[in-house]
């Protein structure tokens, strides 16, 4: 590979208490056919032997770097990812790939997802398919056999498909050109749903051009020891954080203005189902303040909110 003419990919790998399984993840990254990358491992101050395991691994590969999260960042995955984004920005990262410390990269993930950027200078990201796996399992790396058609990534409107939970998109799938991504950070008040809220803000604000790469290029480990579950034992944190994420995104969208109809309709339906009168009032106020720009659907929706409150 001609490294001088190959853009460097910066992989941001957040970790917490993964001494038992992180080596397999690191090996899958080290085995990439596209070799021009750096992997920044950001540790949320693990209490097990993660640092020992990672330090031993990176001694044999200069592309891997280990960082303990400083105290100025609070505990949690959002802050750990933000630490990684700050490091990437300081290093003038060209392309950014998030990855999780328990998942597995296909050997050709970076190679196949960087190719479209060389053809189209306007691309913001490429997205691949993925499969779930448990413990233990054998992973099928054959590109033709791996796809079970359970993952959909081709859409005319990625923002709408993602918002409506139709698009199969999470942090490990996209490979980003850094320019637009680095404008944003994860909301550190969120302990769950932080990824969804993060992408929704980006898709709302930016005109994103993407290319689907229709191969299964990473494997998502499904187990009961996810980072968030390791950190947060209180069962009430998840629903509370998910509700907070919804509230924050609605406030963000209203502040930005021109909220798409499909978003308003979704929030109205959720508010009615959950008895969230405050949300209905918030949407009513937004629609009333936007009367000059209302399309017929929003006018009908406004009327529906008043009927629902009775």
C-alpha atoms as a PDB file:
ATOM      1  CA  UNK A   1       0.000   0.000   0.000  1.00  0.00           C
ATOM      2  CA  UNK A   2       1.235   3.477  -0.919  1.00  0.00           C
ATOM      3  CA  UNK A   3       0.799   5.226   2.436  1.00  0.00           C
ATOM      4  CA  UNK A   4       1.617   8.645   0.990  1.00  0.00           C
ATOM      5  CA  UNK A   5      -1.446   8.509  -1.240  1.00  0.00           C
ATOM      6  CA  UNK A   6      -3.683   6.672   1.230  1.00  0.00           C
ATOM      7  CA  UNK A   7      -5.657   8.713   3.779  1.00  0.00           C
ATOM      8  CA  UNK A   8      -5.209   7.733   7.400  1.00  0.00           C
ATOM      9  CA  UNK A   9      -8.226   6.392   9.275  1.00  0.00           C
ATOM     10  CA  UNK A  10      -8.431   7.214  12.977  1.00  0.00           C
ATOM     11  CA  UNK A  11     -10.222   4.482  14.918  1.00  0.00           C
ATOM     12  CA  UNK A  12     -11.721   5.593  18.239  1.00  0.00           C
ATOM     13  CA  UNK A  13     -12.093   2.612  20.541  1.00  0.00           C
ATOM     14  CA  UNK A  14     -13.739   3.286  23.906  1.00  0.00           C
ATOM     15  CA  UNK A  15     -13.236   0.701  26.613  1.00  0.00           C
ATOM     16  CA  UNK A  16     -14.153  -0.113  30.199  1.00  0.00           C
ATOM     17  CA  UNK A  17     -13.365  -3.342  32.081  1.00  0.00           C
ATOM     18  CA  UNK A  18     -12.738  -5.475  29.001  1.00  0.00           C
ATOM     19  CA  UNK A  19      -9.593  -7.377  30.001  1.00  0.00           C
ATOM     20  CA  UNK A  20     -11.186 -10.738  29.176  1.00  0.00           C
ATOM     21  CA  UNK A  21     -12.329 -10.023  25.600  1.00  0.00           C
ATOM     22  CA  UNK A  22     -10.673  -6.884  24.188  1.00  0.00           C
ATOM     23  CA  UNK A  23      -7.733  -8.767  22.662  1.00  0.00           C
ATOM     24  CA  UNK A  24      -9.957 -10.373  20.027  1.00  0.00           C
ATOM     25  CA  UNK A  25     -11.289  -6.944  19.074  1.00  0.00           C
ATOM     26  CA  UNK A  26      -7.788  -5.481  18.825  1.00  0.00           C
ATOM     27  CA  UNK A  27      -6.629  -8.405  16.692  1.00  0.00           C
ATOM     28  CA  UNK A  28      -9.507  -7.849  14.271  1.00  0.00           C
ATOM     29  CA  UNK A  29      -8.405  -4.227  13.876  1.00  0.00           C
ATOM     30  CA  UNK A  30      -4.722  -5.114  13.515  1.00  0.00           C
ATOM     31  CA  UNK A  31      -5.630  -7.595  10.749  1.00  0.00           C
ATOM     32  CA  UNK A  32      -7.161  -4.951   8.482  1.00  0.00           C
ATOM     33  CA  UNK A  33      -6.140  -5.200   4.829  1.00  0.00           C
ATOM     34  CA  UNK A  34      -6.138  -1.393   4.806  1.00  0.00           C
ATOM     35  CA  UNK A  35      -3.128  -0.735   6.974  1.00  0.00           C
ATOM     36  CA  UNK A  36      -2.969   3.067   7.112  1.00  0.00           C
ATOM     37  CA  UNK A  37      -4.804   3.640  10.373  1.00  0.00           C
ATOM     38  CA  UNK A  38      -4.242   4.625  13.960  1.00  0.00           C
ATOM     39  CA  UNK A  39      -6.319   3.220  16.796  1.00  0.00           C
ATOM     40  CA  UNK A  40      -6.819   5.470  19.820  1.00  0.00           C
ATOM     41  CA  UNK A  41      -7.963   3.374  22.773  1.00  0.00           C
ATOM     42  CA  UNK A  42      -9.658   5.547  25.397  1.00  0.00           C
ATOM     43  CA  UNK A  43     -10.159   3.865  28.752  1.00  0.00           C
ATOM     44  CA  UNK A  44     -12.829   5.070  31.189  1.00  0.00           C
ATOM     45  CA  UNK A  45     -10.450   4.216  34.061  1.00  0.00           C
ATOM     46  CA  UNK A  46     -11.113   0.485  34.112  1.00  0.00           C
ATOM     47  CA  UNK A  47     -10.903  -1.303  37.451  1.00  0.00           C
ATOM     48  CA  UNK A  48      -9.789  -4.652  35.990  1.00  0.00           C
ATOM     49  CA  UNK A  49      -6.646  -5.539  33.996  1.00  0.00           C
ATOM     50  CA  UNK A  50      -7.713  -3.790  30.772  1.00  0.00           C
ATOM     51  CA  UNK A  51      -4.694  -1.472  30.882  1.00  0.00           C
ATOM     52  CA  UNK A  52      -2.303  -4.411  31.329  1.00  0.00           C
ATOM     53  CA  UNK A  53      -3.838  -6.344  28.435  1.00  0.00           C
ATOM     54  CA  UNK A  54      -3.925  -3.358  26.091  1.00  0.00           C
ATOM     55  CA  UNK A  55      -0.422  -2.202  26.997  1.00  0.00           C
ATOM     56  CA  UNK A  56       0.959  -5.653  26.183  1.00  0.00           C
ATOM     57  CA  UNK A  57      -0.831  -5.665  22.842  1.00  0.00           C
ATOM     58  CA  UNK A  58       0.276  -2.223  21.666  1.00  0.00           C
ATOM     59  CA  UNK A  59       3.937  -2.998  22.333  1.00  0.00           C
ATOM     60  CA  UNK A  60       3.919  -5.038  19.111  1.00  0.00           C
ATOM     61  CA  UNK A  61       1.971  -2.583  16.928  1.00  0.00           C
ATOM     62  CA  UNK A  62       2.858   1.117  16.764  1.00  0.00           C
ATOM     63  CA  UNK A  63      -0.522   1.992  15.216  1.00  0.00           C
ATOM     64  CA  UNK A  64      -2.274   1.501  18.577  1.00  0.00           C
ATOM     65  CA  UNK A  65      -2.259   4.091  21.367  1.00  0.00           C
ATOM     66  CA  UNK A  66      -3.666   3.862  24.900  1.00  0.00           C
ATOM     67  CA  UNK A  67      -5.123   6.829  26.809  1.00  0.00           C
ATOM     68  CA  UNK A  68      -6.721   6.953  30.250  1.00  0.00           C
ATOM     69  CA  UNK A  69      -9.585   9.398  30.401  1.00  0.00           C
ATOM     70  CA  UNK A  70      -8.640  12.533  32.397  1.00  0.00           C
ATOM     71  CA  UNK A  71     -10.685  13.600  35.403  1.00  0.00           C
ATOM     72  CA  UNK A  72     -12.092  16.617  33.537  1.00  0.00           C
ATOM     73  CA  UNK A  73     -14.324  14.173  31.656  1.00  0.00           C
ATOM     74  CA  UNK A  74     -17.121  12.562  33.702  1.00  0.00           C
ATOM     75  CA  UNK A  75     -17.546   8.810  33.841  1.00  0.00           C
ATOM     76  CA  UNK A  76     -19.619   7.288  31.070  1.00  0.00           C
ATOM     77  CA  UNK A  77     -19.453   6.235  27.431  1.00  0.00           C
ATOM     78  CA  UNK A  78     -20.485   9.643  26.070  1.00  0.00           C
ATOM     79  CA  UNK A  79     -17.582  11.395  27.764  1.00  0.00           C
ATOM     80  CA  UNK A  80     -15.158   8.627  26.763  1.00  0.00           C
ATOM     81  CA  UNK A  81     -16.148   9.026  23.133  1.00  0.00           C
ATOM     82  CA  UNK A  82     -15.840  12.797  23.438  1.00  0.00           C
ATOM     83  CA  UNK A  83     -12.329  12.342  24.793  1.00  0.00           C
ATOM     84  CA  UNK A  84     -11.581  10.294  21.681  1.00  0.00           C
ATOM     85  CA  UNK A  85     -13.060  12.948  19.406  1.00  0.00           C
ATOM     86  CA  UNK A  86     -10.961  15.620  21.124  1.00  0.00           C
ATOM     87  CA  UNK A  87      -7.843  13.502  20.586  1.00  0.00           C
ATOM     88  CA  UNK A  88      -8.776  12.989  16.937  1.00  0.00           C
ATOM     89  CA  UNK A  89      -9.256  16.718  16.451  1.00  0.00           C
ATOM     90  CA  UNK A  90      -5.865  17.454  18.043  1.00  0.00           C
ATOM     91  CA  UNK A  91      -4.291  14.942  15.654  1.00  0.00           C
ATOM     92  CA  UNK A  92      -6.007  16.455  12.573  1.00  0.00           C
ATOM     93  CA  UNK A  93      -7.820  13.212  11.829  1.00  0.00           C
ATOM     94  CA  UNK A  94      -8.993  12.863   8.216  1.00  0.00           C
ATOM     95  CA  UNK A  95     -11.407   9.958   8.627  1.00  0.00           C
ATOM     96  CA  UNK A  96     -12.965   8.614  11.815  1.00  0.00           C
ATOM     97  CA  UNK A  97     -14.219   5.148  12.650  1.00  0.00           C
ATOM     98  CA  UNK A  98     -15.872   4.535  16.025  1.00  0.00           C
ATOM     99  CA  UNK A  99     -15.550   1.024  17.339  1.00  0.00           C
ATOM    100  CA  UNK A 100     -16.574  -0.870  20.467  1.00  0.00           C
ATOM    101  CA  UNK A 101     -14.259  -2.924  22.642  1.00  0.00           C
ATOM    102  CA  UNK A 102     -16.256  -6.157  22.339  1.00  0.00           C
ATOM    103  CA  UNK A 103     -17.051  -6.182  18.604  1.00  0.00           C
ATOM    104  CA  UNK A 104     -15.180  -7.652  15.654  1.00  0.00           C
ATOM    105  CA  UNK A 105     -14.084  -5.958  12.420  1.00  0.00           C
ATOM    106  CA  UNK A 106     -14.140  -7.822   9.142  1.00  0.00           C
ATOM    107  CA  UNK A 107     -10.570  -7.749   7.746  1.00  0.00           C
ATOM    108  CA  UNK A 108     -11.733  -5.639   4.780  1.00  0.00           C
ATOM    109  CA  UNK A 109     -13.899  -3.145   6.657  1.00  0.00           C
ATOM    110  CA  UNK A 110     -11.624  -0.146   6.293  1.00  0.00           C
ATOM    111  CA  UNK A 111     -10.523  -1.105   2.788  1.00  0.00           C
ATOM    112  CA  UNK A 112     -14.045  -1.393   1.394  1.00  0.00           C
ATOM    113  CA  UNK A 113     -15.415   1.643   3.214  1.00  0.00           C
ATOM    114  CA  UNK A 114     -12.578   4.011   2.318  1.00  0.00           C
ATOM    115  CA  UNK A 115     -12.813   3.243  -1.417  1.00  0.00           C
ATOM    116  CA  UNK A 116     -15.957   5.331  -2.130  1.00  0.00           C
ATOM    117  CA  UNK A 117     -14.280   8.431  -0.653  1.00  0.00           C
ATOM    118  CA  UNK A 118     -11.598   8.200  -3.332  1.00  0.00           C
ATOM    119  CA  UNK A 119     -14.276   8.320  -6.023  1.00  0.00           C
ATOM    120  CA  UNK A 120     -16.535  11.000  -4.523  1.00  0.00           C
ATOM    121  CA  UNK A 121     -14.945  13.949  -2.725  1.00  0.00           C
ATOM    122  CA  UNK A 122     -18.380  15.084  -1.477  1.00  0.00           C
ATOM    123  CA  UNK A 123     -19.061  11.974   0.596  1.00  0.00           C
ATOM    124  CA  UNK A 124     -19.497  12.444   4.336  1.00  0.00           C
ATOM    125  CA  UNK A 125     -19.707   8.814   5.365  1.00  0.00           C
ATOM    126  CA  UNK A 126     -19.947   5.240   4.210  1.00  0.00           C
ATOM    127  CA  UNK A 127     -22.084   2.687   6.022  1.00  0.00           C
ATOM    128  CA  UNK A 128     -21.772  -1.092   6.124  1.00  0.00           C
ATOM    129  CA  UNK A 129     -24.014  -3.938   7.219  1.00  0.00           C
ATOM    130  CA  UNK A 130     -23.446  -5.875  10.440  1.00  0.00           C
ATOM    131  CA  UNK A 131     -24.427  -9.098  12.189  1.00  0.00           C
ATOM    132  CA  UNK A 132     -24.940  -9.936  15.843  1.00  0.00           C
ATOM    133  CA  UNK A 133     -23.087 -12.725  17.566  1.00  0.00           C
ATOM    134  CA  UNK A 134     -23.028 -14.263  21.021  1.00  0.00           C
ATOM    135  CA  UNK A 135     -20.513 -16.072  23.172  1.00  0.00           C
ATOM    136  CA  UNK A 136     -19.094 -18.378  21.888  1.00  0.00           C
ATOM    137  CA  UNK A 137     -19.573 -18.297  18.130  1.00  0.00           C
ATOM    138  CA  UNK A 138     -17.743 -18.741  14.861  1.00  0.00           C
ATOM    139  CA  UNK A 139     -17.793 -15.601  12.715  1.00  0.00           C
ATOM    140  CA  UNK A 140     -18.309 -15.989   8.983  1.00  0.00           C
ATOM    141  CA  UNK A 141     -15.940 -13.630   7.165  1.00  0.00           C
ATOM    142  CA  UNK A 142     -16.891 -14.778   3.663  1.00  0.00           C
ATOM    143  CA  UNK A 143     -18.570 -11.679   2.212  1.00  0.00           C
ATOM    144  CA  UNK A 144     -21.046 -13.686   0.130  1.00  0.00           C
ATOM    145  CA  UNK A 145     -22.129 -16.023   2.912  1.00  0.00           C
ATOM    146  CA  UNK A 146     -22.126 -13.597   5.851  1.00  0.00           C
ATOM    147  CA  UNK A 147     -25.142 -11.536   4.788  1.00  0.00           C
ATOM    148  CA  UNK A 148     -28.410 -12.868   6.207  1.00  0.00           C
ATOM    149  CA  UNK A 149     -30.392  -9.895   4.804  1.00  0.00           C
ATOM    150  CA  UNK A 150     -31.298  -8.718   8.300  1.00  0.00           C
ATOM    151  CA  UNK A 151     -29.591  -5.339   7.965  1.00  0.00           C
ATOM    152  CA  UNK A 152     -30.953  -2.560   5.735  1.00  0.00           C
ATOM    153  CA  UNK A 153     -28.730   0.417   4.922  1.00  0.00           C
ATOM    154  CA  UNK A 154     -30.002   1.730   1.543  1.00  0.00           C
ATOM    155  CA  UNK A 155     -32.420   4.670   1.800  1.00  0.00           C
ATOM    156  CA  UNK A 156     -33.397   7.762  -0.146  1.00  0.00           C
ATOM    157  CA  UNK A 157     -33.632   9.726   3.099  1.00  0.00           C
ATOM    158  CA  UNK A 158     -31.168   8.401   5.683  1.00  0.00           C
ATOM    159  CA  UNK A 159     -32.245  10.914   8.335  1.00  0.00           C
ATOM    160  CA  UNK A 160     -35.890   9.902   8.130  1.00  0.00           C
ATOM    161  CA  UNK A 161     -35.098   6.191   8.006  1.00  0.00           C
ATOM    162  CA  UNK A 162     -32.810   6.478  11.027  1.00  0.00           C
ATOM    163  CA  UNK A 163     -35.284   8.545  13.023  1.00  0.00           C
ATOM    164  CA  UNK A 164     -38.080   6.034  12.316  1.00  0.00           C
ATOM    165  CA  UNK A 165     -35.814   3.138  13.373  1.00  0.00           C
ATOM    166  CA  UNK A 166     -35.824   1.632   9.895  1.00  0.00           C
ATOM    167  CA  UNK A 167     -32.138   2.163   9.141  1.00  0.00           C
ATOM    168  CA  UNK A 168     -29.713  -0.238  10.804  1.00  0.00           C
ATOM    169  CA  UNK A 169     -27.153   2.281  11.943  1.00  0.00           C
ATOM    170  CA  UNK A 170     -24.971   2.339  15.034  1.00  0.00           C
ATOM    171  CA  UNK A 171     -21.588   3.714  15.965  1.00  0.00           C
ATOM    172  CA  UNK A 172     -19.441   0.966  14.446  1.00  0.00           C
ATOM    173  CA  UNK A 173     -20.999   0.905  10.981  1.00  0.00           C
ATOM    174  CA  UNK A 174     -20.164   4.367   9.607  1.00  0.00           C
ATOM    175  CA  UNK A 175     -16.762   5.512   8.445  1.00  0.00           C
ATOM    176  CA  UNK A 176     -16.841   9.317   8.583  1.00  0.00           C
ATOM    177  CA  UNK A 177     -14.986  12.051   6.832  1.00  0.00           C
ATOM    178  CA  UNK A 178     -14.039  14.080   9.881  1.00  0.00           C
ATOM    179  CA  UNK A 179     -15.007  17.592   8.734  1.00  0.00           C
ATOM    180  CA  UNK A 180     -18.678  17.514   9.722  1.00  0.00           C
ATOM    181  CA  UNK A 181     -18.425  14.915  12.466  1.00  0.00           C
ATOM    182  CA  UNK A 182     -15.900  16.866  14.524  1.00  0.00           C
ATOM    183  CA  UNK A 183     -18.291  19.789  14.883  1.00  0.00           C
ATOM    184  CA  UNK A 184     -20.309  17.689  17.326  1.00  0.00           C
ATOM    185  CA  UNK A 185     -19.903  15.907  20.644  1.00  0.00           C
ATOM    186  CA  UNK A 186     -21.965  13.326  22.513  1.00  0.00           C
ATOM    187  CA  UNK A 187     -24.299  14.613  25.212  1.00  0.00           C
ATOM    188  CA  UNK A 188     -22.606  13.707  28.494  1.00  0.00           C
ATOM    189  CA  UNK A 189     -25.889  13.914  30.410  1.00  0.00           C
ATOM    190  CA  UNK A 190     -27.057  10.779  28.584  1.00  0.00           C
ATOM    191  CA  UNK A 191     -26.118   7.295  29.741  1.00  0.00           C
ATOM    192  CA  UNK A 192     -28.260   5.476  27.187  1.00  0.00           C
ATOM    193  CA  UNK A 193     -29.516   6.573  23.753  1.00  0.00           C
ATOM    194  CA  UNK A 194     -26.540   8.937  23.505  1.00  0.00           C
ATOM    195  CA  UNK A 195     -25.565   7.495  20.134  1.00  0.00           C
ATOM    196  CA  UNK A 196     -29.012   7.983  18.621  1.00  0.00           C
ATOM    197  CA  UNK A 197     -29.321  11.532  19.924  1.00  0.00           C
ATOM    198  CA  UNK A 198     -25.828  12.352  18.599  1.00  0.00           C
ATOM    199  CA  UNK A 199     -26.570  11.146  15.070  1.00  0.00           C
ATOM    200  CA  UNK A 200     -29.989  12.766  15.004  1.00  0.00           C
ATOM    201  CA  UNK A 201     -28.449  16.172  15.724  1.00  0.00           C
ATOM    202  CA  UNK A 202     -25.911  15.703  12.947  1.00  0.00           C
ATOM    203  CA  UNK A 203     -28.478  14.515  10.418  1.00  0.00           C
ATOM    204  CA  UNK A 204     -30.812  17.363  11.353  1.00  0.00           C
ATOM    205  CA  UNK A 205     -28.178  20.083  10.965  1.00  0.00           C
ATOM    206  CA  UNK A 206     -26.048  18.792   8.115  1.00  0.00           C
ATOM    207  CA  UNK A 207     -26.721  17.808   4.534  1.00  0.00           C
ATOM    208  CA  UNK A 208     -25.191  14.348   4.754  1.00  0.00           C
ATOM    209  CA  UNK A 209     -24.087  12.517   1.625  1.00  0.00           C
ATOM    210  CA  UNK A 210     -23.498   8.835   2.244  1.00  0.00           C
ATOM    211  CA  UNK A 211     -22.674   5.664   0.380  1.00  0.00           C
ATOM    212  CA  UNK A 212     -23.909   2.248   1.514  1.00  0.00           C
ATOM    213  CA  UNK A 213     -21.305  -0.504   1.290  1.00  0.00           C
ATOM    214  CA  UNK A 214     -23.522  -3.562   1.128  1.00  0.00           C
ATOM    215  CA  UNK A 215     -21.400  -6.113   2.924  1.00  0.00           C
ATOM    216  CA  UNK A 216     -21.376  -7.371   6.518  1.00  0.00           C
ATOM    217  CA  UNK A 217     -18.192  -5.692   7.748  1.00  0.00           C
ATOM    218  CA  UNK A 218     -18.458  -5.862  11.501  1.00  0.00           C
ATOM    219  CA  UNK A 219     -19.913  -8.209  14.058  1.00  0.00           C
ATOM    220  CA  UNK A 220     -21.802  -6.809  17.033  1.00  0.00           C
ATOM    221  CA  UNK A 221     -21.470  -8.805  20.248  1.00  0.00           C
ATOM    222  CA  UNK A 222     -24.799  -9.285  22.004  1.00  0.00           C
ATOM    223  CA  UNK A 223     -24.300 -10.043  25.676  1.00  0.00           C
ATOM    224  CA  UNK A 224     -25.228  -8.888  29.180  1.00  0.00           C
ATOM    225  CA  UNK A 225     -21.913  -7.161  29.895  1.00  0.00           C
ATOM    226  CA  UNK A 226     -22.182  -4.120  27.626  1.00  0.00           C
ATOM    227  CA  UNK A 227     -20.258  -1.036  28.736  1.00  0.00           C
ATOM    228  CA  UNK A 228     -23.416   0.776  29.807  1.00  0.00           C
ATOM    229  CA  UNK A 229     -24.597  -2.252  31.768  1.00  0.00           C
ATOM    230  CA  UNK A 230     -21.197  -2.517  33.450  1.00  0.00           C
ATOM    231  CA  UNK A 231     -21.339   1.125  34.494  1.00  0.00           C
ATOM    232  CA  UNK A 232     -24.985   1.591  35.389  1.00  0.00           C
ATOM    233  CA  UNK A 233     -26.647  -1.051  37.550  1.00  0.00           C
ATOM    234  CA  UNK A 234     -29.741   1.033  38.338  1.00  0.00           C
ATOM    235  CA  UNK A 235     -32.517  -0.286  36.080  1.00  0.00           C
ATOM    236  CA  UNK A 236     -34.244   3.100  36.104  1.00  0.00           C
ATOM    237  CA  UNK A 237     -31.326   4.860  34.411  1.00  0.00           C
ATOM    238  CA  UNK A 238     -32.032   3.432  30.955  1.00  0.00           C
ATOM    239  CA  UNK A 239     -35.680   4.552  30.535  1.00  0.00           C
ATOM    240  CA  UNK A 240     -34.919   7.873  32.219  1.00  0.00           C
ATOM    241  CA  UNK A 241     -31.992   8.506  29.861  1.00  0.00           C
ATOM    242  CA  UNK A 242     -34.003   7.489  26.799  1.00  0.00           C
ATOM    243  CA  UNK A 243     -36.776   9.912  27.772  1.00  0.00           C
ATOM    244  CA  UNK A 244     -34.227  12.651  28.381  1.00  0.00           C
ATOM    245  CA  UNK A 245     -32.679  12.009  24.957  1.00  0.00           C
ATOM    246  CA  UNK A 246     -36.087  12.386  23.299  1.00  0.00           C
ATOM    247  CA  UNK A 247     -36.746  15.610  25.180  1.00  0.00           C
ATOM    248  CA  UNK A 248     -33.339  17.044  24.345  1.00  0.00           C
ATOM    249  CA  UNK A 249     -33.660  16.276  20.645  1.00  0.00           C
ATOM    250  CA  UNK A 250     -37.112  17.837  20.446  1.00  0.00           C
ATOM    251  CA  UNK A 251     -35.839  20.984  22.170  1.00  0.00           C
ATOM    252  CA  UNK A 252     -32.874  21.051  19.786  1.00  0.00           C
ATOM    253  CA  UNK A 253     -35.063  20.605  16.697  1.00  0.00           C
ATOM    254  CA  UNK A 254     -37.547  23.297  17.778  1.00  0.00           C
ATOM    255  CA  UNK A 255     -34.717  25.715  18.475  1.00  0.00           C
ATOM    256  CA  UNK A 256     -33.253  25.064  15.017  1.00  0.00           C
ATOM    257  CA  UNK A 257     -36.673  25.475  13.368  1.00  0.00           C
ATOM    258  CA  UNK A 258     -38.316  23.841  10.354  1.00  0.00           C
ATOM    259  CA  UNK A 259     -38.934  20.562  12.131  1.00  0.00           C
ATOM    260  CA  UNK A 260     -39.941  17.868   9.607  1.00  0.00           C
ATOM    261  CA  UNK A 261     -43.514  16.654   9.782  1.00  0.00           C
ATOM    262  CA  UNK A 262     -42.509  13.024  10.457  1.00  0.00           C
ATOM    263  CA  UNK A 263     -40.710  14.125  13.636  1.00  0.00           C
ATOM    264  CA  UNK A 264     -43.584  16.251  14.905  1.00  0.00           C
ATOM    265  CA  UNK A 265     -46.081  13.479  14.179  1.00  0.00           C
ATOM    266  CA  UNK A 266     -43.941  10.955  16.019  1.00  0.00           C
ATOM    267  CA  UNK A 267     -43.613  13.150  19.109  1.00  0.00           C
ATOM    268  CA  UNK A 268     -47.334  13.872  19.154  1.00  0.00           C
ATOM    269  CA  UNK A 269     -48.150  10.157  19.009  1.00  0.00           C
ATOM    270  CA  UNK A 270     -45.673   9.345  21.787  1.00  0.00           C
ATOM    271  CA  UNK A 271     -46.960  12.201  23.930  1.00  0.00           C
ATOM    272  CA  UNK A 272     -50.569  11.104  23.554  1.00  0.00           C
ATOM    273  CA  UNK A 273     -49.744   7.479  24.289  1.00  0.00           C
ATOM    274  CA  UNK A 274     -47.662   8.399  27.346  1.00  0.00           C
ATOM    275  CA  UNK A 275     -49.846  11.237  28.601  1.00  0.00           C
ATOM    276  CA  UNK A 276     -47.056  13.783  28.174  1.00  0.00           C
ATOM    277  CA  UNK A 277     -49.101  16.973  28.167  1.00  0.00           C
ATOM    278  CA  UNK A 278     -46.006  19.168  28.453  1.00  0.00           C
ATOM    279  CA  UNK A 279     -44.712  17.779  25.161  1.00  0.00           C
ATOM    280  CA  UNK A 280     -48.037  18.433  23.436  1.00  0.00           C
ATOM    281  CA  UNK A 281     -48.020  22.015  24.680  1.00  0.00           C
ATOM    282  CA  UNK A 282     -44.434  22.472  23.483  1.00  0.00           C
ATOM    283  CA  UNK A 283     -45.357  21.258  19.988  1.00  0.00           C
ATOM    284  CA  UNK A 284     -48.492  23.416  19.941  1.00  0.00           C
ATOM    285  CA  UNK A 285     -46.433  26.493  20.783  1.00  0.00           C
ATOM    286  CA  UNK A 286     -43.929  25.660  18.051  1.00  0.00           C
ATOM    287  CA  UNK A 287     -46.670  25.161  15.450  1.00  0.00           C
ATOM    288  CA  UNK A 288     -48.490  28.342  16.462  1.00  0.00           C
ATOM    289  CA  UNK A 289     -45.262  30.334  16.196  1.00  0.00           C
ATOM    290  CA  UNK A 290     -44.684  28.855  12.728  1.00  0.00           C
ATOM    291  CA  UNK A 291     -48.107  29.512  11.243  1.00  0.00           C
ATOM    292  CA  UNK A 292     -46.718  31.494   8.316  1.00  0.00           C
ATOM    293  CA  UNK A 293     -44.703  28.450   7.231  1.00  0.00           C
ATOM    294  CA  UNK A 294     -47.211  25.736   8.102  1.00  0.00           C
ATOM    295  CA  UNK A 295     -48.042  23.172   5.483  1.00  0.00           C
ATOM    296  CA  UNK A 296     -51.521  21.574   5.569  1.00  0.00           C
ATOM    297  CA  UNK A 297     -50.288  18.480   7.412  1.00  0.00           C
ATOM    298  CA  UNK A 298     -48.893  20.558  10.268  1.00  0.00           C
ATOM    299  CA  UNK A 299     -52.146  22.492  10.506  1.00  0.00           C
ATOM    300  CA  UNK A 300     -54.040  19.230  10.865  1.00  0.00           C
ATOM    301  CA  UNK A 301     -51.509  18.055  13.423  1.00  0.00           C
ATOM    302  CA  UNK A 302     -51.999  21.257  15.419  1.00  0.00           C
ATOM    303  CA  UNK A 303     -55.721  20.643  15.544  1.00  0.00           C
ATOM    304  CA  UNK A 304     -55.131  17.041  16.554  1.00  0.00           C
ATOM    305  CA  UNK A 305     -53.022  18.118  19.548  1.00  0.00           C
ATOM    306  CA  UNK A 306     -55.905  20.227  20.874  1.00  0.00           C
ATOM    307  CA  UNK A 307     -58.364  17.353  20.474  1.00  0.00           C
ATOM    308  CA  UNK A 308     -55.977  14.988  22.220  1.00  0.00           C
ATOM    309  CA  UNK A 309     -55.740  17.224  25.289  1.00  0.00           C
ATOM    310  CA  UNK A 310     -59.485  17.186  25.874  1.00  0.00           C
END
